[in-house]
Amino acid sequence: MLNIAEGSTGQTKAVFKLFLSYALRSAIEVVSCLFIARKRGYISDEKFKTLYDEYEALVKMITALKKSI
């Protein structure tokens, strides 16, 4: 979300799309952390699934926004 906020202020469309790409990469980094957290027992399988589903929805929204620009 921080990448999107930073890229949305006073930027060209091309630069904003670049920041959306950063946001997608950040989301992928978070998913890596989710897998590690589940493997180490920090979160349950149920919590992992909930968070992963939210990740998938967010990535779809960011991708759709990027395509609309």
PDB file of N, CA and C in Angstrom:
ATOM      1  N   MET A   1       0.821  -1.180   0.000  1.00  0.00           N
ATOM      2  CA  MET A   1       0.000   0.000   0.000  1.00  0.00           C
ATOM      3  C   MET A   1       0.871   1.252   0.000  1.00  0.00           C
ATOM      4  N   LEU A   2       1.996   1.198   0.677  1.00  0.00           N
ATOM      5  CA  LEU A   2       2.874   2.369   0.721  1.00  0.00           C
ATOM      6  C   LEU A   2       3.433   2.686  -0.664  1.00  0.00           C
ATOM      7  N   ASN A   3       3.756   1.665  -1.456  1.00  0.00           N
ATOM      8  CA  ASN A   3       4.238   1.909  -2.811  1.00  0.00           C
ATOM      9  C   ASN A   3       3.182   2.612  -3.646  1.00  0.00           C
ATOM     10  N   ILE A   4       1.937   2.198  -3.507  1.00  0.00           N
ATOM     11  CA  ILE A   4       0.844   2.794  -4.277  1.00  0.00           C
ATOM     12  C   ILE A   4       0.643   4.248  -3.857  1.00  0.00           C
ATOM     13  N   ALA A   5       0.662   4.506  -2.556  1.00  0.00           N
ATOM     14  CA  ALA A   5       0.479   5.870  -2.066  1.00  0.00           C
ATOM     15  C   ALA A   5       1.614   6.776  -2.552  1.00  0.00           C
ATOM     16  N   GLU A   6       2.833   6.282  -2.474  1.00  0.00           N
ATOM     17  CA  GLU A   6       3.977   7.076  -2.897  1.00  0.00           C
ATOM     18  C   GLU A   6       3.932   7.373  -4.395  1.00  0.00           C
ATOM     19  N   GLY A   7       3.542   6.400  -5.183  1.00  0.00           N
ATOM     20  CA  GLY A   7       3.529   6.575  -6.627  1.00  0.00           C
ATOM     21  C   GLY A   7       2.355   7.353  -7.158  1.00  0.00           C
ATOM     22  N   SER A   8       1.337   7.545  -6.343  1.00  0.00           N
ATOM     23  CA  SER A   8       0.121   8.190  -6.845  1.00  0.00           C
ATOM     24  C   SER A   8       0.151   9.710  -6.771  1.00  0.00           C
ATOM     25  N   THR A   9       1.118  10.263  -6.086  1.00  0.00           N
ATOM     26  CA  THR A   9       1.127  11.710  -5.899  1.00  0.00           C
ATOM     27  C   THR A   9       2.068  12.403  -6.869  1.00  0.00           C
ATOM     28  N   GLY A  10       1.498  13.196  -7.743  1.00  0.00           N
ATOM     29  CA  GLY A  10       2.269  14.042  -8.637  1.00  0.00           C
ATOM     30  C   GLY A  10       3.157  13.307  -9.625  1.00  0.00           C
ATOM     31  N   GLN A  11       2.768  12.129 -10.010  1.00  0.00           N
ATOM     32  CA  GLN A  11       3.582  11.328 -10.917  1.00  0.00           C
ATOM     33  C   GLN A  11       2.872  11.157 -12.255  1.00  0.00           C
ATOM     34  N   THR A  12       3.641  10.808 -13.257  1.00  0.00           N
ATOM     35  CA  THR A  12       3.039  10.464 -14.541  1.00  0.00           C
ATOM     36  C   THR A  12       2.422   9.072 -14.442  1.00  0.00           C
ATOM     37  N   LYS A  13       1.601   8.736 -15.422  1.00  0.00           N
ATOM     38  CA  LYS A  13       0.990   7.406 -15.431  1.00  0.00           C
ATOM     39  C   LYS A  13       2.053   6.314 -15.502  1.00  0.00           C
ATOM     40  N   ALA A  14       3.081   6.549 -16.298  1.00  0.00           N
ATOM     41  CA  ALA A  14       4.149   5.550 -16.427  1.00  0.00           C
ATOM     42  C   ALA A  14       4.857   5.307 -15.093  1.00  0.00           C
ATOM     43  N   VAL A  15       5.114   6.376 -14.370  1.00  0.00           N
ATOM     44  CA  VAL A  15       5.784   6.243 -13.069  1.00  0.00           C
ATOM     45  C   VAL A  15       4.853   5.558 -12.078  1.00  0.00           C
ATOM     46  N   PHE A  16       3.571   5.899 -12.100  1.00  0.00           N
ATOM     47  CA  PHE A  16       2.613   5.255 -11.205  1.00  0.00           C
ATOM     48  C   PHE A  16       2.552   3.754 -11.479  1.00  0.00           C
ATOM     49  N   LYS A  17       2.577   3.365 -12.761  1.00  0.00           N
ATOM     50  CA  LYS A  17       2.588   1.937 -13.102  1.00  0.00           C
ATOM     51  C   LYS A  17       3.834   1.261 -12.534  1.00  0.00           C
ATOM     52  N   LEU A  18       4.944   1.970 -12.543  1.00  0.00           N
ATOM     53  CA  LEU A  18       6.167   1.424 -11.970  1.00  0.00           C
ATOM     54  C   LEU A  18       5.989   1.174 -10.474  1.00  0.00           C
ATOM     55  N   PHE A  19       5.361   2.102  -9.779  1.00  0.00           N
ATOM     56  CA  PHE A  19       5.122   1.924  -8.354  1.00  0.00           C
ATOM     57  C   PHE A  19       4.142   0.783  -8.092  1.00  0.00           C
ATOM     58  N   LEU A  20       3.195   0.578  -8.991  1.00  0.00           N
ATOM     59  CA  LEU A  20       2.303  -0.573  -8.854  1.00  0.00           C
ATOM     60  C   LEU A  20       3.083  -1.877  -9.006  1.00  0.00           C
ATOM     61  N   SER A  21       4.082  -1.874  -9.869  1.00  0.00           N
ATOM     62  CA  SER A  21       4.951  -3.039 -10.007  1.00  0.00           C
ATOM     63  C   SER A  21       5.711  -3.289  -8.704  1.00  0.00           C
ATOM     64  N   TYR A  22       6.164  -2.219  -8.081  1.00  0.00           N
ATOM     65  CA  TYR A  22       6.827  -2.361  -6.778  1.00  0.00           C
ATOM     66  C   TYR A  22       5.868  -2.963  -5.746  1.00  0.00           C
ATOM     67  N   ALA A  23       4.621  -2.512  -5.788  1.00  0.00           N
ATOM     68  CA  ALA A  23       3.619  -3.026  -4.852  1.00  0.00           C
ATOM     69  C   ALA A  23       3.404  -4.523  -5.065  1.00  0.00           C
ATOM     70  N   LEU A  24       3.368  -4.960  -6.307  1.00  0.00           N
ATOM     71  CA  LEU A  24       3.216  -6.388  -6.590  1.00  0.00           C
ATOM     72  C   LEU A  24       4.406  -7.176  -6.060  1.00  0.00           C
ATOM     73  N   ARG A  25       5.589  -6.658  -6.268  1.00  0.00           N
ATOM     74  CA  ARG A  25       6.782  -7.355  -5.767  1.00  0.00           C
ATOM     75  C   ARG A  25       6.792  -7.397  -4.243  1.00  0.00           C
ATOM     76  N   SER A  26       6.339  -6.341  -3.609  1.00  0.00           N
ATOM     77  CA  SER A  26       6.257  -6.329  -2.147  1.00  0.00           C
ATOM     78  C   SER A  26       5.273  -7.378  -1.650  1.00  0.00           C
ATOM     79  N   ALA A  27       4.171  -7.528  -2.355  1.00  0.00           N
ATOM     80  CA  ALA A  27       3.180  -8.543  -1.979  1.00  0.00           C
ATOM     81  C   ALA A  27       3.784  -9.942  -2.061  1.00  0.00           C
ATOM     82  N   ILE A  28       4.574 -10.185  -3.089  1.00  0.00           N
ATOM     83  CA  ILE A  28       5.218 -11.489  -3.242  1.00  0.00           C
ATOM     84  C   ILE A  28       6.206 -11.732  -2.102  1.00  0.00           C
ATOM     85  N   GLU A  29       6.893 -10.689  -1.671  1.00  0.00           N
ATOM     86  CA  GLU A  29       7.801 -10.820  -0.526  1.00  0.00           C
ATOM     87  C   GLU A  29       7.033 -11.219   0.735  1.00  0.00           C
ATOM     88  N   VAL A  30       5.869 -10.611   0.924  1.00  0.00           N
ATOM     89  CA  VAL A  30       5.051 -10.923   2.091  1.00  0.00           C
ATOM     90  C   VAL A  30       4.609 -12.384   2.064  1.00  0.00           C
ATOM     91  N   VAL A  31       4.265 -12.887   0.890  1.00  0.00           N
ATOM     92  CA  VAL A  31       3.851 -14.280   0.771  1.00  0.00           C
ATOM     93  C   VAL A  31       4.994 -15.213   1.174  1.00  0.00           C
ATOM     94  N   SER A  32       6.215 -14.858   0.802  1.00  0.00           N
ATOM     95  CA  SER A  32       7.365 -15.664   1.218  1.00  0.00           C
ATOM     96  C   SER A  32       7.436 -15.726   2.739  1.00  0.00           C
ATOM     97  N   CYS A  33       7.181 -14.598   3.379  1.00  0.00           N
ATOM     98  CA  CYS A  33       7.178 -14.551   4.841  1.00  0.00           C
ATOM     99  C   CYS A  33       6.052 -15.404   5.416  1.00  0.00           C
ATOM    100  N   LEU A  34       4.902 -15.412   4.738  1.00  0.00           N
ATOM    101  CA  LEU A  34       3.790 -16.251   5.199  1.00  0.00           C
ATOM    102  C   LEU A  34       4.173 -17.726   5.191  1.00  0.00           C
ATOM    103  N   PHE A  35       4.814 -18.160   4.125  1.00  0.00           N
ATOM    104  CA  PHE A  35       5.238 -19.559   4.051  1.00  0.00           C
ATOM    105  C   PHE A  35       6.228 -19.897   5.167  1.00  0.00           C
ATOM    106  N   ILE A  36       7.155 -18.992   5.433  1.00  0.00           N
ATOM    107  CA  ILE A  36       8.120 -19.209   6.509  1.00  0.00           C
ATOM    108  C   ILE A  36       7.409 -19.264   7.855  1.00  0.00           C
ATOM    109  N   ALA A  37       6.487 -18.336   8.069  1.00  0.00           N
ATOM    110  CA  ALA A  37       5.756 -18.293   9.341  1.00  0.00           C
ATOM    111  C   ALA A  37       4.958 -19.571   9.564  1.00  0.00           C
ATOM    112  N   ARG A  38       4.345 -20.081   8.519  1.00  0.00           N
ATOM    113  CA  ARG A  38       3.574 -21.328   8.656  1.00  0.00           C
ATOM    114  C   ARG A  38       4.507 -22.491   8.947  1.00  0.00           C
ATOM    115  N   LYS A  39       5.608 -22.560   8.225  1.00  0.00           N
ATOM    116  CA  LYS A  39       6.558 -23.659   8.404  1.00  0.00           C
ATOM    117  C   LYS A  39       7.132 -23.684   9.817  1.00  0.00           C
ATOM    118  N   ARG A  40       7.373 -22.506  10.376  1.00  0.00           N
ATOM    119  CA  ARG A  40       7.936 -22.420  11.727  1.00  0.00           C
ATOM    120  C   ARG A  40       6.883 -22.504  12.826  1.00  0.00           C
ATOM    121  N   GLY A  41       5.619 -22.579  12.443  1.00  0.00           N
ATOM    122  CA  GLY A  41       4.556 -22.722  13.426  1.00  0.00           C
ATOM    123  C   GLY A  41       4.104 -21.425  14.057  1.00  0.00           C
ATOM    124  N   TYR A  42       4.490 -20.285  13.463  1.00  0.00           N
ATOM    125  CA  TYR A  42       4.066 -18.994  14.001  1.00  0.00           C
ATOM    126  C   TYR A  42       2.592 -18.726  13.716  1.00  0.00           C
ATOM    127  N   ILE A  43       2.105 -19.267  12.599  1.00  0.00           N
ATOM    128  CA  ILE A  43       0.686 -19.122  12.258  1.00  0.00           C
ATOM    129  C   ILE A  43       0.123 -20.490  11.890  1.00  0.00           C
ATOM    130  N   SER A  44      -1.165 -20.639  12.103  1.00  0.00           N
ATOM    131  CA  SER A  44      -1.835 -21.903  11.792  1.00  0.00           C
ATOM    132  C   SER A  44      -2.087 -22.008  10.297  1.00  0.00           C
ATOM    133  N   ASP A  45      -2.400 -23.218   9.863  1.00  0.00           N
ATOM    134  CA  ASP A  45      -2.756 -23.413   8.456  1.00  0.00           C
ATOM    135  C   ASP A  45      -3.989 -22.593   8.088  1.00  0.00           C
ATOM    136  N   GLU A  46      -4.923 -22.497   9.031  1.00  0.00           N
ATOM    137  CA  GLU A  46      -6.151 -21.729   8.779  1.00  0.00           C
ATOM    138  C   GLU A  46      -5.836 -20.240   8.591  1.00  0.00           C
ATOM    139  N   LYS A  47      -4.978 -19.692   9.454  1.00  0.00           N
ATOM    140  CA  LYS A  47      -4.599 -18.281   9.341  1.00  0.00           C
ATOM    141  C   LYS A  47      -3.809 -18.047   8.053  1.00  0.00           C
ATOM    142  N   PHE A  48      -2.935 -18.995   7.721  1.00  0.00           N
ATOM    143  CA  PHE A  48      -2.177 -18.894   6.476  1.00  0.00           C
ATOM    144  C   PHE A  48      -3.120 -18.794   5.293  1.00  0.00           C
ATOM    145  N   LYS A  49      -4.125 -19.680   5.254  1.00  0.00           N
ATOM    146  CA  LYS A  49      -5.067 -19.685   4.132  1.00  0.00           C
ATOM    147  C   LYS A  49      -5.809 -18.362   4.042  1.00  0.00           C
ATOM    148  N   THR A  50      -6.257 -17.842   5.170  1.00  0.00           N
ATOM    149  CA  THR A  50      -6.961 -16.562   5.193  1.00  0.00           C
ATOM    150  C   THR A  50      -6.075 -15.446   4.629  1.00  0.00           C
ATOM    151  N   LEU A  51      -4.858 -15.371   5.108  1.00  0.00           N
ATOM    152  CA  LEU A  51      -3.946 -14.326   4.652  1.00  0.00           C
ATOM    153  C   LEU A  51      -3.546 -14.517   3.195  1.00  0.00           C
ATOM    154  N   TYR A  52      -3.359 -15.769   2.781  1.00  0.00           N
ATOM    155  CA  TYR A  52      -3.008 -16.027   1.394  1.00  0.00           C
ATOM    156  C   TYR A  52      -4.150 -15.647   0.459  1.00  0.00           C
ATOM    157  N   ASP A  53      -5.374 -15.941   0.868  1.00  0.00           N
ATOM    158  CA  ASP A  53      -6.539 -15.553   0.063  1.00  0.00           C
ATOM    159  C   ASP A  53      -6.626 -14.032  -0.075  1.00  0.00           C
ATOM    160  N   GLU A  54      -6.327 -13.323   1.008  1.00  0.00           N
ATOM    161  CA  GLU A  54      -6.323 -11.860   0.953  1.00  0.00           C
ATOM    162  C   GLU A  54      -5.224 -11.362   0.023  1.00  0.00           C
ATOM    163  N   TYR A  55      -4.063 -12.017   0.055  1.00  0.00           N
ATOM    164  CA  TYR A  55      -2.970 -11.680  -0.845  1.00  0.00           C
ATOM    165  C   TYR A  55      -3.409 -11.835  -2.296  1.00  0.00           C
ATOM    166  N   GLU A  56      -4.038 -12.966  -2.614  1.00  0.00           N
ATOM    167  CA  GLU A  56      -4.478 -13.199  -3.989  1.00  0.00           C
ATOM    168  C   GLU A  56      -5.458 -12.126  -4.453  1.00  0.00           C
ATOM    169  N   ALA A  57      -6.391 -11.747  -3.593  1.00  0.00           N
ATOM    170  CA  ALA A  57      -7.366 -10.714  -3.948  1.00  0.00           C
ATOM    171  C   ALA A  57      -6.666  -9.373  -4.180  1.00  0.00           C
ATOM    172  N   LEU A  58      -5.725  -9.047  -3.323  1.00  0.00           N
ATOM    173  CA  LEU A  58      -5.002  -7.786  -3.450  1.00  0.00           C
ATOM    174  C   LEU A  58      -4.194  -7.741  -4.746  1.00  0.00           C
ATOM    175  N   VAL A  59      -3.520  -8.831  -5.065  1.00  0.00           N
ATOM    176  CA  VAL A  59      -2.723  -8.876  -6.294  1.00  0.00           C
ATOM    177  C   VAL A  59      -3.622  -8.714  -7.524  1.00  0.00           C
ATOM    178  N   LYS A  60      -4.787  -9.306  -7.496  1.00  0.00           N
ATOM    179  CA  LYS A  60      -5.727  -9.154  -8.614  1.00  0.00           C
ATOM    180  C   LYS A  60      -6.163  -7.704  -8.755  1.00  0.00           C
ATOM    181  N   MET A  61      -6.410  -7.034  -7.626  1.00  0.00           N
ATOM    182  CA  MET A  61      -6.816  -5.633  -7.688  1.00  0.00           C
ATOM    183  C   MET A  61      -5.699  -4.741  -8.219  1.00  0.00           C
ATOM    184  N   ILE A  62      -4.478  -4.955  -7.725  1.00  0.00           N
ATOM    185  CA  ILE A  62      -3.350  -4.154  -8.189  1.00  0.00           C
ATOM    186  C   ILE A  62      -3.106  -4.383  -9.682  1.00  0.00           C
ATOM    187  N   THR A  63      -3.175  -5.639 -10.104  1.00  0.00           N
ATOM    188  CA  THR A  63      -2.971  -5.968 -11.513  1.00  0.00           C
ATOM    189  C   THR A  63      -4.033  -5.306 -12.391  1.00  0.00           C
ATOM    190  N   ALA A  64      -5.282  -5.357 -11.946  1.00  0.00           N
ATOM    191  CA  ALA A  64      -6.358  -4.718 -12.711  1.00  0.00           C
ATOM    192  C   ALA A  64      -6.157  -3.209 -12.789  1.00  0.00           C
ATOM    193  N   LEU A  65      -5.750  -2.595 -11.682  1.00  0.00           N
ATOM    194  CA  LEU A  65      -5.490  -1.159 -11.682  1.00  0.00           C
ATOM    195  C   LEU A  65      -4.353  -0.832 -12.654  1.00  0.00           C
ATOM    196  N   LYS A  66      -3.295  -1.621 -12.606  1.00  0.00           N
ATOM    197  CA  LYS A  66      -2.153  -1.394 -13.493  1.00  0.00           C
ATOM    198  C   LYS A  66      -2.571  -1.492 -14.973  1.00  0.00           C
ATOM    199  N   LYS A  67      -3.399  -2.477 -15.296  1.00  0.00           N
ATOM    200  CA  LYS A  67      -3.853  -2.656 -16.668  1.00  0.00           C
ATOM    201  C   LYS A  67      -4.771  -1.524 -17.115  1.00  0.00           C
ATOM    202  N   SER A  68      -5.480  -0.902 -16.177  1.00  0.00           N
ATOM    203  CA  SER A  68      -6.433   0.153 -16.527  1.00  0.00           C
ATOM    204  C   SER A  68      -5.755   1.489 -16.827  1.00  0.00           C
ATOM    205  N   ILE A  69      -4.498   1.598 -16.482  1.00  0.00           N
ATOM    206  CA  ILE A  69      -3.769   2.870 -16.668  1.00  0.00           C
ATOM    207  C   ILE A  69      -3.178   2.932 -18.074  1.00  0.00           C
TER     208      ILE A  69
END
